[in-house]
């Protein structure tokens, strides 16, 4: 639980109070899945076939994710 910023030795009331902040920003499964696909596209170098196989997407859907991949020669503005 250290990755959540709370210790494992907290009493139940303090643990629940610390976790209240996480409940204020619920994420839908769609958002989490889309984020995972984008991350995998960046890690796989926009390999459409790999994205299709990993996530069960069609070629057109996987291609849409790869089109939004930033060019490796460009650096984001500071």
C-alpha atoms as a PDB file:
ATOM      1  CA  UNK A   1       0.000   0.000   0.000  1.00  0.00           C
ATOM      2  CA  UNK A   2       3.017   2.224   0.055  1.00  0.00           C
ATOM      3  CA  UNK A   3       2.404   2.970  -3.625  1.00  0.00           C
ATOM      4  CA  UNK A   4      -0.909   4.570  -2.607  1.00  0.00           C
ATOM      5  CA  UNK A   5       0.841   6.835  -0.139  1.00  0.00           C
ATOM      6  CA  UNK A   6      -0.500   5.163   3.001  1.00  0.00           C
ATOM      7  CA  UNK A   7       1.122   2.762   5.408  1.00  0.00           C
ATOM      8  CA  UNK A   8      -0.162  -0.742   6.011  1.00  0.00           C
ATOM      9  CA  UNK A   9      -0.285  -0.111   9.747  1.00  0.00           C
ATOM     10  CA  UNK A  10      -2.966   2.613   9.679  1.00  0.00           C
ATOM     11  CA  UNK A  11      -6.138   2.088  11.693  1.00  0.00           C
ATOM     12  CA  UNK A  12      -9.225   1.451   9.501  1.00  0.00           C
ATOM     13  CA  UNK A  13     -10.722   4.938   9.949  1.00  0.00           C
ATOM     14  CA  UNK A  14      -7.497   6.673   8.936  1.00  0.00           C
ATOM     15  CA  UNK A  15      -7.035   4.341   5.970  1.00  0.00           C
ATOM     16  CA  UNK A  16     -10.557   5.045   4.687  1.00  0.00           C
ATOM     17  CA  UNK A  17     -10.062   8.783   5.191  1.00  0.00           C
ATOM     18  CA  UNK A  18      -6.834   8.635   3.177  1.00  0.00           C
ATOM     19  CA  UNK A  19      -8.562   6.699   0.370  1.00  0.00           C
ATOM     20  CA  UNK A  20     -11.430   9.216   0.059  1.00  0.00           C
ATOM     21  CA  UNK A  21      -9.348  11.282  -2.358  1.00  0.00           C
ATOM     22  CA  UNK A  22      -9.173   8.359  -4.768  1.00  0.00           C
ATOM     23  CA  UNK A  23     -12.953   7.971  -4.809  1.00  0.00           C
ATOM     24  CA  UNK A  24     -13.477  11.566  -5.942  1.00  0.00           C
ATOM     25  CA  UNK A  25     -12.037  10.816  -9.389  1.00  0.00           C
ATOM     26  CA  UNK A  26     -13.716   7.679 -10.682  1.00  0.00           C
ATOM     27  CA  UNK A  27     -12.394   6.273 -13.932  1.00  0.00           C
ATOM     28  CA  UNK A  28     -14.471   4.262 -16.302  1.00  0.00           C
ATOM     29  CA  UNK A  29     -13.174   1.038 -17.776  1.00  0.00           C
ATOM     30  CA  UNK A  30     -13.299   2.687 -21.218  1.00  0.00           C
ATOM     31  CA  UNK A  31     -10.853   5.398 -20.157  1.00  0.00           C
ATOM     32  CA  UNK A  32      -8.496   2.892 -18.560  1.00  0.00           C
ATOM     33  CA  UNK A  33      -8.570   0.609 -21.624  1.00  0.00           C
ATOM     34  CA  UNK A  34      -7.964   3.489 -24.036  1.00  0.00           C
ATOM     35  CA  UNK A  35      -5.045   4.687 -21.955  1.00  0.00           C
ATOM     36  CA  UNK A  36      -3.583   1.176 -21.936  1.00  0.00           C
ATOM     37  CA  UNK A  37      -3.895   0.913 -25.713  1.00  0.00           C
ATOM     38  CA  UNK A  38      -2.189   4.276 -26.217  1.00  0.00           C
ATOM     39  CA  UNK A  39       0.619   3.216 -23.880  1.00  0.00           C
ATOM     40  CA  UNK A  40       1.065  -0.063 -25.747  1.00  0.00           C
ATOM     41  CA  UNK A  41       1.127   1.742 -29.118  1.00  0.00           C
ATOM     42  CA  UNK A  42       3.952   3.939 -27.854  1.00  0.00           C
ATOM     43  CA  UNK A  43       5.862   0.976 -26.419  1.00  0.00           C
ATOM     44  CA  UNK A  44       5.378  -1.225 -29.496  1.00  0.00           C
ATOM     45  CA  UNK A  45       6.385   1.417 -31.992  1.00  0.00           C
ATOM     46  CA  UNK A  46       2.898   1.638 -33.553  1.00  0.00           C
ATOM     47  CA  UNK A  47       2.837  -2.028 -34.579  1.00  0.00           C
ATOM     48  CA  UNK A  48      -0.759  -2.350 -35.816  1.00  0.00           C
ATOM     49  CA  UNK A  49      -0.754  -6.138 -35.912  1.00  0.00           C
ATOM     50  CA  UNK A  50       0.419  -6.381 -32.292  1.00  0.00           C
ATOM     51  CA  UNK A  51      -2.255  -3.928 -31.144  1.00  0.00           C
ATOM     52  CA  UNK A  52      -4.931  -5.925 -33.004  1.00  0.00           C
ATOM     53  CA  UNK A  53      -3.840  -9.157 -31.344  1.00  0.00           C
ATOM     54  CA  UNK A  54      -3.423  -7.755 -27.829  1.00  0.00           C
ATOM     55  CA  UNK A  55      -6.714  -5.881 -27.629  1.00  0.00           C
ATOM     56  CA  UNK A  56      -8.919  -7.665 -30.154  1.00  0.00           C
ATOM     57  CA  UNK A  57      -9.234  -4.568 -32.300  1.00  0.00           C
ATOM     58  CA  UNK A  58      -9.835  -4.439 -36.018  1.00  0.00           C
ATOM     59  CA  UNK A  59      -7.215  -2.986 -38.320  1.00  0.00           C
ATOM     60  CA  UNK A  60      -9.077   0.314 -38.682  1.00  0.00           C
ATOM     61  CA  UNK A  61      -9.437   0.815 -34.934  1.00  0.00           C
ATOM     62  CA  UNK A  62      -5.801  -0.055 -34.251  1.00  0.00           C
ATOM     63  CA  UNK A  63      -4.704   2.291 -37.021  1.00  0.00           C
ATOM     64  CA  UNK A  64      -6.648   5.148 -35.413  1.00  0.00           C
ATOM     65  CA  UNK A  65      -4.618   4.677 -32.232  1.00  0.00           C
ATOM     66  CA  UNK A  66      -1.334   4.636 -34.157  1.00  0.00           C
ATOM     67  CA  UNK A  67      -2.188   7.853 -36.024  1.00  0.00           C
ATOM     68  CA  UNK A  68      -2.077   9.777 -32.750  1.00  0.00           C
ATOM     69  CA  UNK A  69       1.387   8.541 -31.896  1.00  0.00           C
ATOM     70  CA  UNK A  70       3.851  11.455 -31.803  1.00  0.00           C
ATOM     71  CA  UNK A  71       6.711  11.378 -34.254  1.00  0.00           C
ATOM     72  CA  UNK A  72       9.907  10.097 -32.548  1.00  0.00           C
ATOM     73  CA  UNK A  73      11.984  12.910 -34.052  1.00  0.00           C
ATOM     74  CA  UNK A  74       9.863  15.613 -32.451  1.00  0.00           C
ATOM     75  CA  UNK A  75      10.283  16.670 -28.871  1.00  0.00           C
ATOM     76  CA  UNK A  76       7.443  18.164 -26.835  1.00  0.00           C
ATOM     77  CA  UNK A  77       7.756  21.865 -25.975  1.00  0.00           C
ATOM     78  CA  UNK A  78       9.330  22.571 -22.614  1.00  0.00           C
END
